């Protein structure tokens, strides 16, 4: 797993984390990371856990019509933490 590529992913997350409207972009990046990192089992497992837990929490919160910012922030923080710790 190339550290340069992980730094690019971390920069992408930082660039898009401040706006909940970027959820789909970040989600798509998460999906890409899962697909492209098949050889990095621990990292991919962690990304899968984020996808299975925080993504549904965010989507459920958006359906209730209230603010989903806390769930969005949790998703982004966990995604960013996984990327940074994988370096």
Protein backbone atom coordinates (compact mmCIF):
# COMPACT_ATOMS: atom_id res chain seq x y z
CA UNK A 1 0.00 0.00 0.00
CA UNK A 2 1.68 3.19 -1.15
CA UNK A 3 2.06 5.88 1.48
CA UNK A 4 1.89 8.56 -1.22
CA UNK A 5 -1.52 7.31 -2.29
CA UNK A 6 -2.71 7.27 1.34
CA UNK A 7 -1.57 10.86 1.76
CA UNK A 8 -3.60 11.79 -1.32
CA UNK A 9 -6.64 10.06 0.19
CA UNK A 10 -6.13 11.83 3.53
CA UNK A 11 -5.86 15.18 1.72
CA UNK A 12 -9.07 14.42 -0.19
CA UNK A 13 -10.89 13.73 3.09
CA UNK A 14 -9.61 16.94 4.69
CA UNK A 15 -10.63 18.93 1.61
CA UNK A 16 -14.21 17.62 1.67
CA UNK A 17 -14.93 17.10 5.38
CA UNK A 18 -16.29 20.57 6.09
CA UNK A 19 -19.48 20.22 4.06
CA UNK A 20 -22.10 17.57 4.59
CA UNK A 21 -23.01 17.99 0.92
CA UNK A 22 -19.79 16.12 0.13
CA UNK A 23 -21.06 12.89 1.67
CA UNK A 24 -21.45 11.13 -1.69
CA UNK A 25 -17.94 12.15 -2.79
CA UNK A 26 -16.48 10.82 0.46
CA UNK A 27 -18.58 7.68 0.31
CA UNK A 28 -17.41 7.02 -3.24
CA UNK A 29 -13.80 7.52 -2.09
CA UNK A 30 -14.40 4.98 0.70
CA UNK A 31 -15.73 2.50 -1.88
CA UNK A 32 -12.70 3.11 -4.11
CA UNK A 33 -10.31 2.56 -1.21
CA UNK A 34 -12.03 -0.74 -0.37
CA UNK A 35 -11.78 -1.93 -3.98
CA UNK A 36 -8.21 -0.80 -4.61
CA UNK A 37 -6.68 -2.02 -1.33
CA UNK A 38 -7.68 -5.69 -1.42
CA UNK A 39 -4.18 -6.79 -0.36
CA UNK A 40 -4.22 -4.72 2.84
CA UNK A 41 -6.54 -6.89 4.90
CA UNK A 42 -6.55 -4.92 8.18
CA UNK A 43 -7.13 -1.60 6.40
CA UNK A 44 -9.88 -2.96 4.16
CA UNK A 45 -11.59 -4.64 7.12
CA UNK A 46 -11.64 -1.34 8.98
CA UNK A 47 -13.03 0.48 5.93
CA UNK A 48 -15.74 -2.19 5.59
CA UNK A 49 -16.69 -1.69 9.25
CA UNK A 50 -16.98 2.06 8.68
CA UNK A 51 -19.14 1.43 5.62
CA UNK A 52 -21.40 -1.01 7.47
CA UNK A 53 -21.80 1.08 10.63
CA UNK A 54 -21.40 4.81 10.12
CA UNK A 55 -22.83 5.07 6.60
CA UNK A 56 -26.23 3.61 7.59
CA UNK A 57 -26.27 5.83 10.71
CA UNK A 58 -25.74 8.89 8.53
CA UNK A 59 -28.34 7.87 5.95
CA UNK A 60 -30.90 7.16 8.67
CA UNK A 61 -30.26 10.56 10.26
CA UNK A 62 -30.79 12.32 6.90
CA UNK A 63 -34.12 10.55 6.48
CA UNK A 64 -35.50 11.98 9.73
CA UNK A 65 -35.23 15.49 8.32
CA UNK A 66 -33.11 16.83 11.15
CA UNK A 67 -29.46 17.64 11.10
CA UNK A 68 -27.18 14.75 10.26
CA UNK A 69 -23.98 16.67 10.97
CA UNK A 70 -22.92 14.55 14.00
CA UNK A 71 -23.30 11.35 11.98
CA UNK A 72 -21.49 12.90 9.01
CA UNK A 73 -18.64 14.03 11.25
CA UNK A 74 -18.39 10.56 12.80
CA UNK A 75 -18.20 8.98 9.34
CA UNK A 76 -15.53 11.40 8.12
CA UNK A 77 -13.49 11.18 11.32
CA UNK A 78 -13.42 7.39 11.30
CA UNK A 79 -12.56 7.30 7.59
CA UNK A 80 -9.76 9.83 8.04
CA UNK A 81 -8.42 8.03 11.12
CA UNK A 82 -8.30 4.72 9.21
CA UNK A 83 -6.36 6.30 6.35
CA UNK A 84 -3.92 8.16 8.58
CA UNK A 85 -3.25 5.09 10.75
CA UNK A 86 -2.66 2.91 7.67
CA UNK A 87 0.33 5.03 6.58
